[in-house]
Each structure stands twice: as structure tokens, then as C-alpha cells.
Amino acid sequence: MRKAVVLAGLAVAIAACGNAPSTTPQETGAASSAAPAKKTLEGVKIEVAAKWTGEEQTNFEAVLKAFQEKTGAQVTYASTGEDTGAYLGPRIQGGSPPDVAILPQPGLVQQYADQKALKPLTAEVQKQIDDNYTPYWKELGSAGGQVYGVLVKAAHKSIIWYRDAAFTDAGVQAPTTWDELMKTAQAVSDSGTPPFSLCGASGWTLTDLFENVYLSTAGPEKYDQLAKHEIPWTDTSVVTALEKMAGIFGKKDYMVGGNTGALQTDFPTCVTQVYGQDKGAMVIEADFVAASATQSGAKIGETAKIFPFPKVGDTAPVVLGGDIAVALKDSPGAMALLEFLASKEGGEVWAKLPGYLSPNRNVSPDNYPSELTKQLAQTIISAGETVRYDMSDLAPSAFGGTDGKGEWKVLQDFLRDPSDAKAAAKALETEAAKAWK
């Protein structure tokens, strides 16, 4: 789960808030105490909307509180619920959008830009993006040559979770390459435990698996081309990735319940099968598995451990989902808030709270409260320019985000029968051609 014109010098003024004295002791005759700096947005009201509820909302409101204390602004939070578009659409059409919205998919940036509903980011906000993000993330928040959004929260999708006892029983350790993963899977299978619990009933988990394999085997440039449908899904690079996936799909003993069982298992039931029922050894999914594993009685870092998605080709894959902040109103308050969220300072406030990963490369892993998030944050930083966004979330929803259709269905069909990778690639291209008309 993702600014109007700011007065000249606002970035400098905000950075100085709460630290610099308004006058020197020599000027006032004061002894040593300094008066607090004037808060630049005193009395300004800002509304920000996002999908978060519960703990995620509480943590984000703590970030907003830090911004309020720094600037004097009054910020109110509105939850959009899971369907952000359904919430924002009527408000945009009615002429009363929130100042800032945080979008769960980059496609919404293009959609709202086409509707002229977004405000281009100011130079101050763009400087924070240039200082703290790779150029890829700036492009992701852009449309028609204008920069509208900044990625403020990431979900790390290049992880394999494992049950420590299953690895111990099989006498194996965490693999670092795909070939090692296959050897590990065989050893775990030989020990009497199916190595993988696949969440095949939730089609998006299969797209996550494909994206990691494809990024690693094809590389970031081809990943970008496929994400935009600039190359067809019948390209040999797609077939290669599917053939690698068939190394799992083609061995029913590698999956809890075999192919049929995998197709009937949704997320998070697949997590329960590993940590609550001890039926499987590994789950291939994102950092948010932690919540379901904990609910199943696992202890993160002890009975539930992770390793980075292994290299299948030349690239160590790091695929992220995430949320993009945009401005829907021309107001200095909106731009100031986006500037804060894009900054190292804002990222560090958020990073100290649970359940958060920053795509900001200058937010040190030392800020995170757990070893797990420190480890994940370091992989994002280490991957540098090769980090990519979830491909299915970049596609038209008819292809990459609809249950029982498009990419989800084709990959489920391939899980059911992985005997012909070329036929699966052809089916993917047929669906993609419809969606990208």
C-alpha cells in the first residue's frame, strides 16, 4: 500500500523550524536561551486521504503529527477504504478533493493526470525526490512529462519465508541462487515436507513470482519494456521465466496439496499452512506475510525467517509495491507536506514505527525497529538502480489486476498445467493485446 506554489525559501525555512533562533542573544541582550523559530504554516489546514486503517493509520498519523509540530499546520486524515478511486472520484468531480491523496497504484497517477486533477510538484519537492530517490521512482510518479507523485511507502515483494524447523529437519540453509533453491526444495521434499505452500487461488501471488523471476532473468530494461507492453509477451524472455517457474509447478510433491491444492489455497491460508499447520516449508510472498505468520503463532526471526528471492539470472531481484502521494489542490500546505514526506527527515520519522519500509535511499536501515525491516531496507538500498515496481500494478487492471481474467487467470492455468511455456506466453500476449488497445 502511494502541492501548489510554495513561497520562495520554504524548504530552507521548514528545515530550520524548531532549531534556529529568530534573533541572536547579542541582539536581544538575552543570556543563552533562543526563541523558537516562527512556524511557517501556522493556521494552515491540510486534508490528506489514504486507504490505511488500524495500525497503519495510527503510524501515519504519528508522521503527520511530526509535520504539524514542525510547521504549525493543522492536518486531518481521511481513510478512503480499500477502493481509493471510488472515494476520490466523486470528491474530484464535486470540486472538493483532499489537499493530498496517497494512491495505492501508479496507474491512478496517469488516470488523474489525464483528468487534470493533479498539481505538478514544485521544484522544492522535486529536489527531495532527486536527492533521495533513483530516477526510476521519479518517472513512476510522472505523466506527460510532469512530475506529480512521490513514492512514500514500500511493500517488499522479493522475499521467501521459511519455517526454520523444516530447514533444520532437512539439513539445509537459505539458498542464494535459483539452482540452490531447487536443491533445497528437493532436500526438504525428501525429508517428508512439501517445500512450497503456494497461494494459487490468489492470482496476484503468481504475478509476484513471475515478476521476480523475470526481473532476474531478463534484467531491468526488458522488465520496463514488458511492463509497458513495448515487447510482446511471446518474447523469448517471457518463455524463459515461465520455464523456470515450471521447475516448481511441474513437481506436485513440491507443493502442499499438489497443483490442485495450490490452486485452491488463497492468501493468507498459504501462510497458515506453513506456520500454523506445519504442512509446508516456504511461502513466496512479501514482507506483509509477517502479520499472518504471527497470527499463526510464529515468532518472526526465530521460527519464521526470510531470505531474499534468489538470483535466477544476472540480477538480484527487488520488486516493490507501494503508495504514491500526490497533490489535488494548489496550496502551499499540500506541497510542504509532500516535501516532508519525500525528505530523509520524514522518512526517518516513519521508519522508526512498525510496519513501514521506505523507498528513500537515504533513510538508513538503522532507523528500523526490527532486524527484519533493517534487512529488507538494506536490500532496497543495495539494489540501487535495478529496483522495480510491481509489474501487474503498472498494467491495465483488465490484464494485471482482475480475478479470473488476464494475467491472473493465465498464470493459474499454467500452474494447473505447466507443460507448455510457449503456449502460456501466447495466452498472456492475447490477453495483454486486449488490455492495451
Protein backbone atom coordinates (compact mmCIF):
# COMPACT_ATOMS: atom_id res chain seq x y z
CA MET A 1 0.00 0.00 0.00
CA ARG A 2 1.06 5.55 -2.54
CA LYS A 3 1.48 20.89 -4.00
CA ALA A 4 0.77 24.32 -5.22
CA VAL A 5 3.27 27.08 -5.34
CA VAL A 6 5.44 27.16 -2.23
CA LEU A 7 6.76 30.54 -1.13
CA ALA A 8 10.39 31.13 -2.01
CA GLY A 9 12.74 29.60 0.51
CA LEU A 10 10.07 27.40 2.14
CA ALA A 11 12.30 24.33 2.10
CA VAL A 12 15.01 26.19 3.99
CA ALA A 13 12.51 27.68 6.40
CA ILE A 14 10.91 24.32 7.16
CA ALA A 15 14.31 22.68 7.67
CA ALA A 16 15.14 25.35 10.20
CA CYS A 17 11.87 25.18 12.15
CA GLY A 18 12.27 24.46 15.83
CA ASN A 19 16.06 24.93 15.72
CA ALA A 20 17.10 28.41 14.68
CA PRO A 21 16.61 31.47 16.94
CA SER A 22 14.68 34.38 15.44
CA THR A 23 17.29 36.78 16.85
CA THR A 24 20.71 36.33 18.42
CA PRO A 25 21.35 36.82 22.14
CA GLN A 26 23.56 39.79 21.28
CA GLU A 27 20.65 41.49 19.52
CA THR A 28 18.23 40.97 22.42
CA GLY A 29 20.54 41.01 25.36
CA ALA A 30 19.26 37.59 26.37
CA ALA A 31 21.58 35.26 28.21
CA SER A 32 21.68 31.95 26.36
CA SER A 33 18.14 30.80 25.53
CA ALA A 34 16.94 31.07 21.93
CA ALA A 35 13.37 31.86 20.92
CA PRO A 36 11.73 29.17 18.78
CA ALA A 37 11.58 29.83 15.05
CA LYS A 38 8.31 31.02 13.58
CA LYS A 39 6.26 28.11 12.25
CA THR A 40 5.79 28.66 8.54
CA LEU A 41 2.31 27.13 8.16
CA GLU A 42 0.66 28.33 11.37
CA GLY A 43 -3.13 28.07 10.94
CA VAL A 44 -2.97 26.36 7.53
CA LYS A 45 -5.39 23.43 7.23
CA ILE A 46 -4.49 20.36 5.17
CA GLU A 47 -6.56 17.26 4.48
CA VAL A 48 -4.79 14.06 3.42
CA ALA A 49 -6.58 10.89 2.29
CA ALA A 50 -5.19 7.33 2.15
CA LYS A 51 -6.52 3.79 2.38
CA TRP A 52 -4.86 2.98 5.72
CA THR A 53 -6.82 1.97 8.81
CA GLY A 54 -5.85 0.44 12.14
CA GLU A 55 -2.15 0.37 12.98
CA GLU A 56 -1.13 1.72 9.57
CA GLN A 57 -3.36 4.76 10.09
CA THR A 58 -2.08 5.27 13.64
CA ASN A 59 1.54 5.20 12.44
CA PHE A 60 0.88 7.56 9.55
CA GLU A 61 -0.88 9.99 11.88
CA ALA A 62 2.29 9.99 14.01
CA VAL A 63 4.21 11.12 10.92
CA LEU A 64 1.61 13.82 10.29
CA LYS A 65 1.95 14.93 13.91
CA ALA A 66 5.69 15.42 13.43
CA PHE A 67 4.96 17.57 10.38
CA GLN A 68 2.39 19.60 12.32
CA GLU A 69 4.79 20.21 15.19
CA LYS A 70 7.44 21.34 12.72
CA THR A 71 5.30 23.68 10.63
CA GLY A 72 2.26 24.65 12.68
CA ALA A 73 -0.13 23.25 10.05
CA GLN A 74 -3.37 21.54 11.05
CA VAL A 75 -3.61 18.19 9.25
CA THR A 76 -6.68 15.96 9.21
CA TYR A 77 -6.68 12.39 7.92
CA ALA A 78 -9.46 10.71 5.93
CA SER A 79 -9.49 6.97 5.20
CA THR A 80 -10.56 6.14 1.65
CA GLY A 81 -11.16 2.47 2.39
CA GLU A 82 -9.79 -0.19 0.04
CA ASP A 83 -11.25 1.39 -3.12
CA THR A 84 -9.34 4.67 -3.27
CA GLY A 85 -10.72 5.52 -6.70
CA ALA A 86 -14.33 5.15 -5.56
CA TYR A 87 -13.65 7.56 -2.69
CA LEU A 88 -11.68 10.17 -4.64
CA GLY A 89 -13.74 10.15 -7.86
CA PRO A 90 -16.89 11.87 -6.52
CA ARG A 91 -14.84 14.35 -4.49
CA ILE A 92 -12.78 15.32 -7.52
CA GLN A 93 -15.90 15.64 -9.67
CA GLY A 94 -17.59 17.69 -6.94
CA GLY A 95 -14.69 20.13 -6.74
CA SER A 96 -13.77 19.28 -3.14
CA PRO A 97 -10.83 16.88 -3.23
CA PRO A 98 -8.44 16.49 -0.28
CA ASP A 99 -5.24 18.52 -0.48
CA VAL A 100 -3.12 15.37 -0.66
CA ALA A 101 -4.05 11.82 -1.60
CA ILE A 102 -1.91 8.71 -1.30
CA LEU A 103 -2.60 6.35 -4.19
CA PRO A 104 -2.08 2.58 -3.96
CA GLN A 105 -1.30 2.18 -7.68
CA PRO A 106 0.81 4.21 -10.14
CA GLY A 107 -1.90 3.78 -12.77
CA LEU A 108 -4.06 6.19 -10.80
CA VAL A 109 -1.41 8.89 -11.27
CA GLN A 110 -1.86 8.69 -15.04
CA GLN A 111 -5.65 8.46 -14.70
CA TYR A 112 -5.97 11.58 -12.53
CA ALA A 113 -3.35 13.45 -14.57
CA ASP A 114 -5.46 12.80 -17.68
CA GLN A 115 -8.43 14.27 -15.79
CA LYS A 116 -6.35 17.38 -14.92
CA ALA A 117 -6.97 16.57 -11.25
CA LEU A 118 -3.31 16.61 -10.13
CA LYS A 119 -0.97 19.51 -9.42
CA PRO A 120 2.64 19.30 -10.70
CA LEU A 121 5.23 19.08 -7.95
CA THR A 122 7.17 22.22 -7.14
CA ALA A 123 10.92 22.48 -7.57
CA GLU A 124 11.36 22.05 -3.80
CA VAL A 125 9.53 18.72 -3.76
CA GLN A 126 11.31 17.54 -6.89
CA LYS A 127 14.65 18.34 -5.28
CA GLN A 128 13.80 15.98 -2.42
CA ILE A 129 12.96 13.29 -4.97
CA ASP A 130 16.19 13.89 -6.90
CA ASP A 131 18.23 13.82 -3.68
CA ASN A 132 16.60 10.76 -2.15
CA TYR A 133 15.27 8.50 -4.93
CA THR A 134 16.57 6.84 -8.06
CA PRO A 135 15.34 8.30 -11.39
CA TYR A 136 13.05 5.29 -11.86
CA TRP A 137 10.83 6.39 -8.96
CA LYS A 138 10.60 9.92 -10.35
CA GLU A 139 9.42 8.51 -13.68
CA LEU A 140 6.90 6.30 -11.90
CA GLY A 141 5.25 9.37 -10.37
CA SER A 142 5.18 11.27 -13.67
CA ALA A 143 2.71 11.63 -16.53
CA GLY A 144 3.01 13.61 -19.75
CA GLY A 145 6.42 14.94 -18.79
CA GLN A 146 5.20 16.39 -15.46
CA VAL A 147 6.16 15.04 -12.04
CA TYR A 148 3.07 14.56 -9.88
CA GLY A 149 3.85 11.96 -7.24
CA VAL A 150 6.37 10.62 -4.78
CA LEU A 151 6.55 7.03 -3.56
CA VAL A 152 6.29 7.27 0.22
CA LYS A 153 5.74 3.69 1.41
CA ALA A 154 7.00 0.40 0.01
CA ALA A 155 5.99 -3.26 0.19
CA HIS A 156 8.93 -5.60 -0.41
CA LYS A 157 7.88 -8.44 -2.69
CA SER A 158 11.20 -10.18 -3.25
CA ILE A 159 11.18 -12.44 -0.21
CA ILE A 160 10.86 -16.12 0.52
CA TRP A 161 9.67 -17.00 4.01
CA TYR A 162 10.61 -20.33 5.57
CA ARG A 163 9.86 -22.38 8.65
CA ASP A 164 13.16 -22.84 10.46
CA ALA A 165 12.30 -26.31 11.81
CA ALA A 166 11.60 -27.61 8.29
CA PHE A 167 15.01 -26.44 7.08
CA THR A 168 16.70 -27.90 10.15
CA ASP A 169 14.99 -31.27 9.64
CA ALA A 170 16.16 -31.32 6.01
CA GLY A 171 19.68 -30.20 6.92
CA VAL A 172 19.60 -27.19 4.58
CA GLN A 173 20.33 -23.48 4.79
CA ALA A 174 18.88 -20.46 2.98
CA PRO A 175 19.82 -20.55 -0.73
CA THR A 176 21.18 -17.60 -2.71
CA THR A 177 20.57 -18.79 -6.30
CA TRP A 178 17.65 -20.44 -8.09
CA ASP A 179 19.63 -23.64 -8.63
CA GLU A 180 20.36 -23.75 -4.90
CA LEU A 181 16.66 -23.14 -4.20
CA MET A 182 15.73 -26.13 -6.33
CA LYS A 183 18.28 -28.31 -4.49
CA THR A 184 16.91 -27.04 -1.18
CA ALA A 185 13.37 -27.82 -2.30
CA GLN A 186 14.36 -31.35 -3.22
CA ALA A 187 16.07 -31.90 0.14
CA VAL A 188 13.03 -30.61 2.02
CA SER A 189 10.76 -32.81 -0.10
CA ASP A 190 12.97 -35.83 0.60
CA SER A 191 12.63 -35.11 4.33
CA GLY A 192 8.86 -35.58 4.04
CA THR A 193 7.63 -31.96 3.81
CA PRO A 194 6.35 -30.25 0.65
CA PRO A 195 8.77 -27.34 0.20
CA PHE A 196 6.30 -24.74 -1.04
CA SER A 197 2.87 -23.55 0.06
CA LEU A 198 1.60 -21.64 -2.97
CA CYS A 199 -1.31 -19.21 -2.76
CA GLY A 200 -2.55 -20.04 -6.26
CA ALA A 201 -6.18 -19.10 -5.61
CA SER A 202 -4.96 -15.51 -5.16
CA GLY A 203 -3.74 -14.81 -8.69
CA TRP A 204 -1.67 -11.78 -7.70
CA THR A 205 0.76 -14.01 -5.81
CA LEU A 206 1.59 -15.77 -9.08
CA THR A 207 2.25 -12.45 -10.78
CA ASP A 208 4.64 -11.58 -7.94
CA LEU A 209 6.50 -14.84 -8.52
CA PHE A 210 6.71 -14.21 -12.27
CA GLU A 211 7.96 -10.64 -11.77
CA ASN A 212 10.83 -11.73 -9.54
CA VAL A 213 11.90 -14.48 -11.93
CA TYR A 214 11.54 -12.19 -14.95
CA LEU A 215 13.45 -9.26 -13.44
CA SER A 216 16.30 -11.58 -12.53
CA THR A 217 16.49 -13.42 -15.86
CA ALA A 218 15.60 -10.63 -18.32
CA GLY A 219 17.02 -7.62 -16.45
CA PRO A 220 15.53 -4.20 -15.63
CA GLU A 221 15.46 -2.83 -19.20
CA LYS A 222 13.36 -5.66 -20.58
CA TYR A 223 11.24 -5.57 -17.41
CA ASP A 224 10.36 -1.94 -18.21
CA GLN A 225 9.59 -2.80 -21.84
CA LEU A 226 7.30 -5.68 -20.91
CA ALA A 227 5.58 -3.58 -18.23
CA LYS A 228 4.63 -1.05 -20.94
CA HIS A 229 3.83 -3.77 -23.50
CA GLU A 230 6.60 -2.43 -25.73
CA ILE A 231 7.64 -6.03 -26.32
CA PRO A 232 5.10 -8.87 -26.67
CA TRP A 233 4.53 -11.49 -24.01
CA THR A 234 5.58 -14.06 -26.59
CA ASP A 235 9.15 -12.74 -26.32
CA THR A 236 11.66 -15.49 -25.54
CA SER A 237 12.48 -13.75 -22.24
CA VAL A 238 8.92 -14.45 -21.01
CA VAL A 239 9.13 -18.09 -22.07
CA THR A 240 12.44 -18.43 -20.19
CA ALA A 241 10.88 -17.08 -16.98
CA LEU A 242 7.86 -19.36 -17.30
CA GLU A 243 10.13 -22.38 -17.81
CA LYS A 244 11.92 -21.51 -14.56
CA MET A 245 8.57 -21.33 -12.74
CA ALA A 246 7.70 -24.73 -14.18
CA GLY A 247 10.59 -26.07 -12.11
CA ILE A 248 8.21 -25.69 -9.15
CA PHE A 249 4.83 -26.08 -10.85
CA GLY A 250 5.92 -29.25 -12.64
CA LYS A 251 6.59 -31.22 -9.46
CA LYS A 252 3.43 -31.87 -7.50
CA ASP A 253 5.45 -33.08 -4.50
CA TYR A 254 6.94 -29.57 -4.25
CA MET A 255 3.55 -28.02 -3.37
CA VAL A 256 1.22 -28.55 -0.42
CA GLY A 257 -1.74 -30.39 -1.95
CA GLY A 258 -0.05 -30.63 -5.34
CA ASN A 259 -1.15 -28.46 -8.24
CA THR A 260 -4.84 -28.77 -7.37
CA GLY A 261 -4.26 -27.92 -3.73
CA ALA A 262 -2.14 -24.90 -4.66
CA LEU A 263 -4.90 -23.59 -6.91
CA GLN A 264 -7.41 -23.93 -4.07
CA THR A 265 -5.26 -22.13 -1.49
CA ASP A 266 -5.62 -18.38 -1.10
CA PHE A 267 -3.56 -15.80 0.72
CA PRO A 268 -3.15 -15.89 3.73
CA THR A 269 -4.17 -19.57 4.05
CA CYS A 270 -0.85 -20.48 2.43
CA VAL A 271 0.92 -18.80 5.35
CA THR A 272 -1.17 -20.73 7.86
CA GLN A 273 -0.23 -23.98 6.12
CA VAL A 274 3.45 -23.26 6.81
CA TYR A 275 3.36 -21.70 10.28
CA GLY A 276 0.09 -22.83 11.83
CA GLN A 277 -0.23 -26.33 10.41
CA ASP A 278 3.40 -27.27 9.59
CA LYS A 279 2.28 -28.62 6.21
CA GLY A 280 4.85 -26.76 4.10
CA ALA A 281 8.29 -25.20 4.45
CA MET A 282 8.23 -21.98 2.37
CA VAL A 283 5.93 -19.17 1.26
CA ILE A 284 6.94 -16.92 -1.64
CA GLU A 285 5.44 -13.54 -0.76
CA ALA A 286 6.02 -10.04 0.55
CA ASP A 287 7.03 -8.56 3.90
CA PHE A 288 3.35 -8.41 4.93
CA VAL A 289 3.45 -12.20 5.45
CA ALA A 290 4.78 -11.28 8.91
CA ALA A 291 1.31 -10.35 10.17
CA SER A 292 -0.26 -13.66 9.13
CA ALA A 293 2.72 -15.68 10.36
CA THR A 294 2.47 -14.02 13.75
CA GLN A 295 -1.27 -14.75 13.90
CA SER A 296 -0.40 -18.39 13.19
CA GLY A 297 1.84 -18.47 16.27
CA ALA A 298 5.22 -17.98 14.62
CA LYS A 299 7.94 -15.74 16.03
CA ILE A 300 9.46 -13.53 13.36
CA GLY A 301 13.20 -14.04 13.12
CA GLU A 302 13.05 -17.27 15.13
CA THR A 303 10.55 -19.83 13.85
CA ALA A 304 9.67 -17.67 10.82
CA LYS A 305 12.69 -16.50 8.85
CA ILE A 306 13.31 -15.00 5.42
CA PHE A 307 15.87 -14.94 2.67
CA PRO A 308 15.99 -12.64 -0.39
CA PHE A 309 14.44 -14.01 -3.56
CA PRO A 310 17.37 -15.93 -5.10
CA LYS A 311 19.10 -14.81 -8.26
CA VAL A 312 17.67 -16.71 -11.21
CA GLY A 313 19.79 -14.82 -13.75
CA ASP A 314 22.25 -11.92 -13.57
CA THR A 315 20.09 -9.56 -11.49
CA ALA A 316 19.28 -9.94 -7.80
CA PRO A 317 15.57 -9.08 -8.00
CA VAL A 318 14.00 -6.43 -5.77
CA VAL A 319 10.35 -5.80 -6.66
CA LEU A 320 8.34 -3.31 -4.65
CA GLY A 321 4.71 -2.40 -4.34
CA GLY A 322 3.86 0.87 -2.66
CA ASP A 323 1.90 4.05 -2.25
CA ILE A 324 2.36 7.33 -4.12
CA ALA A 325 1.50 10.73 -2.64
CA VAL A 326 0.03 13.40 -4.95
CA ALA A 327 -1.45 16.88 -4.58
CA LEU A 328 -5.04 17.54 -5.65
CA LYS A 329 -5.11 21.18 -4.58
CA ASP A 330 -2.96 24.22 -5.30
CA SER A 331 -1.93 25.05 -1.75
CA PRO A 332 1.43 25.71 -0.08
CA GLY A 333 0.38 23.31 2.68
CA ALA A 334 -0.04 20.41 0.25
CA MET A 335 3.38 20.97 -1.29
CA ALA A 336 5.04 21.38 2.09
CA LEU A 337 3.59 18.08 3.28
CA LEU A 338 4.78 16.27 0.15
CA GLU A 339 8.20 17.83 0.57
CA PHE A 340 8.32 16.49 4.13
CA LEU A 341 7.16 13.00 3.13
CA ALA A 342 9.80 12.88 0.37
CA SER A 343 12.58 14.02 2.68
CA LYS A 344 15.11 11.99 4.62
CA GLU A 345 13.72 13.55 7.81
CA GLY A 346 10.14 12.49 7.12
CA GLY A 347 11.23 9.00 6.10
CA GLU A 348 13.19 8.56 9.31
CA VAL A 349 10.19 9.55 11.46
CA TRP A 350 8.12 6.88 9.72
CA ALA A 351 10.89 4.25 9.69
CA LYS A 352 11.04 4.19 13.49
CA LEU A 353 7.45 2.88 13.55
CA PRO A 354 6.48 -0.76 12.86
CA GLY A 355 5.14 -2.00 9.53
CA TYR A 356 6.92 0.51 7.32
CA LEU A 357 9.60 0.35 4.62
CA SER A 358 10.94 3.45 2.90
CA PRO A 359 11.92 3.58 -0.78
CA ASN A 360 14.05 6.63 0.16
CA ARG A 361 17.67 5.53 -0.33
CA ASN A 362 18.95 7.99 2.28
CA VAL A 363 16.84 6.59 5.12
CA SER A 364 19.35 4.42 6.96
CA PRO A 365 18.33 0.86 7.90
CA ASP A 366 19.48 1.72 11.43
CA ASN A 367 16.19 3.61 11.90
CA TYR A 368 14.03 0.49 11.71
CA PRO A 369 12.78 -1.16 14.91
CA SER A 370 13.37 -4.79 13.89
CA GLU A 371 16.13 -6.84 12.29
CA LEU A 372 13.69 -7.97 9.61
CA THR A 373 12.93 -4.47 8.36
CA LYS A 374 16.60 -3.48 8.62
CA GLN A 375 17.47 -6.42 6.39
CA LEU A 376 14.75 -5.60 3.87
CA ALA A 377 15.66 -1.91 3.78
CA GLN A 378 19.28 -2.78 3.09
CA THR A 379 18.30 -4.92 0.08
CA ILE A 380 16.42 -1.93 -1.39
CA ILE A 381 19.45 0.32 -0.95
CA SER A 382 21.88 -2.30 -2.26
CA ALA A 383 19.79 -2.95 -5.38
CA GLY A 384 20.15 0.70 -6.40
CA GLU A 385 19.03 1.36 -9.98
CA THR A 386 17.69 -2.17 -10.54
CA VAL A 387 14.74 -1.91 -8.11
CA ARG A 388 11.43 -2.13 -9.94
CA TYR A 389 7.73 -1.64 -9.16
CA ASP A 390 5.22 -4.50 -9.22
CA MET A 391 4.60 -5.03 -12.94
CA SER A 392 0.98 -6.17 -12.65
CA ASP A 393 0.12 -2.94 -10.79
CA LEU A 394 1.57 -0.95 -13.71
CA ALA A 395 -0.64 -2.77 -16.22
CA PRO A 396 -4.27 -2.01 -17.11
CA SER A 397 -6.38 -3.65 -14.42
CA ALA A 398 -8.13 -5.85 -17.01
CA PHE A 399 -4.77 -7.58 -17.52
CA GLY A 400 -2.87 -7.27 -14.26
CA GLY A 401 -5.47 -6.85 -11.53
CA THR A 402 -8.72 -8.72 -12.16
CA ASP A 403 -9.64 -12.00 -10.52
CA GLY A 404 -10.28 -14.76 -13.04
CA LYS A 405 -9.05 -12.72 -16.01
CA GLY A 406 -5.90 -11.60 -17.78
CA GLU A 407 -2.52 -12.43 -16.31
CA TRP A 408 -4.00 -13.86 -13.11
CA LYS A 409 -6.02 -16.49 -14.98
CA VAL A 410 -3.29 -17.41 -17.46
CA LEU A 411 -0.76 -17.99 -14.67
CA GLN A 412 -3.31 -20.03 -12.74
CA ASP A 413 -3.86 -22.12 -15.89
CA PHE A 414 -0.08 -22.52 -16.15
CA LEU A 415 0.08 -23.66 -12.52
CA ARG A 416 -2.61 -26.24 -13.34
CA ASP A 417 -0.65 -27.49 -16.38
CA PRO A 418 2.92 -26.17 -16.74
CA SER A 419 3.84 -28.41 -19.68
CA ASP A 420 3.88 -25.72 -22.40
CA ALA A 421 5.54 -22.39 -21.55
CA LYS A 422 5.27 -21.12 -25.12
CA ALA A 423 1.51 -21.68 -25.13
CA ALA A 424 1.21 -19.82 -21.82
CA ALA A 425 3.23 -16.92 -23.23
CA LYS A 426 0.92 -16.80 -26.24
CA ALA A 427 -2.13 -16.74 -23.97
CA LEU A 428 -0.59 -13.89 -21.97
CA GLU A 429 0.02 -11.90 -25.15
CA THR A 430 -3.58 -12.45 -26.29
CA GLU A 431 -4.86 -11.02 -23.01
CA ALA A 432 -2.33 -8.17 -23.00
CA ALA A 433 -3.28 -7.13 -26.55
CA LYS A 434 -6.91 -6.76 -25.43
CA ALA A 435 -5.99 -4.67 -22.38
CA TRP A 436 -3.56 -2.32 -24.14
CA LYS A 437 -5.92 -1.44 -27.04
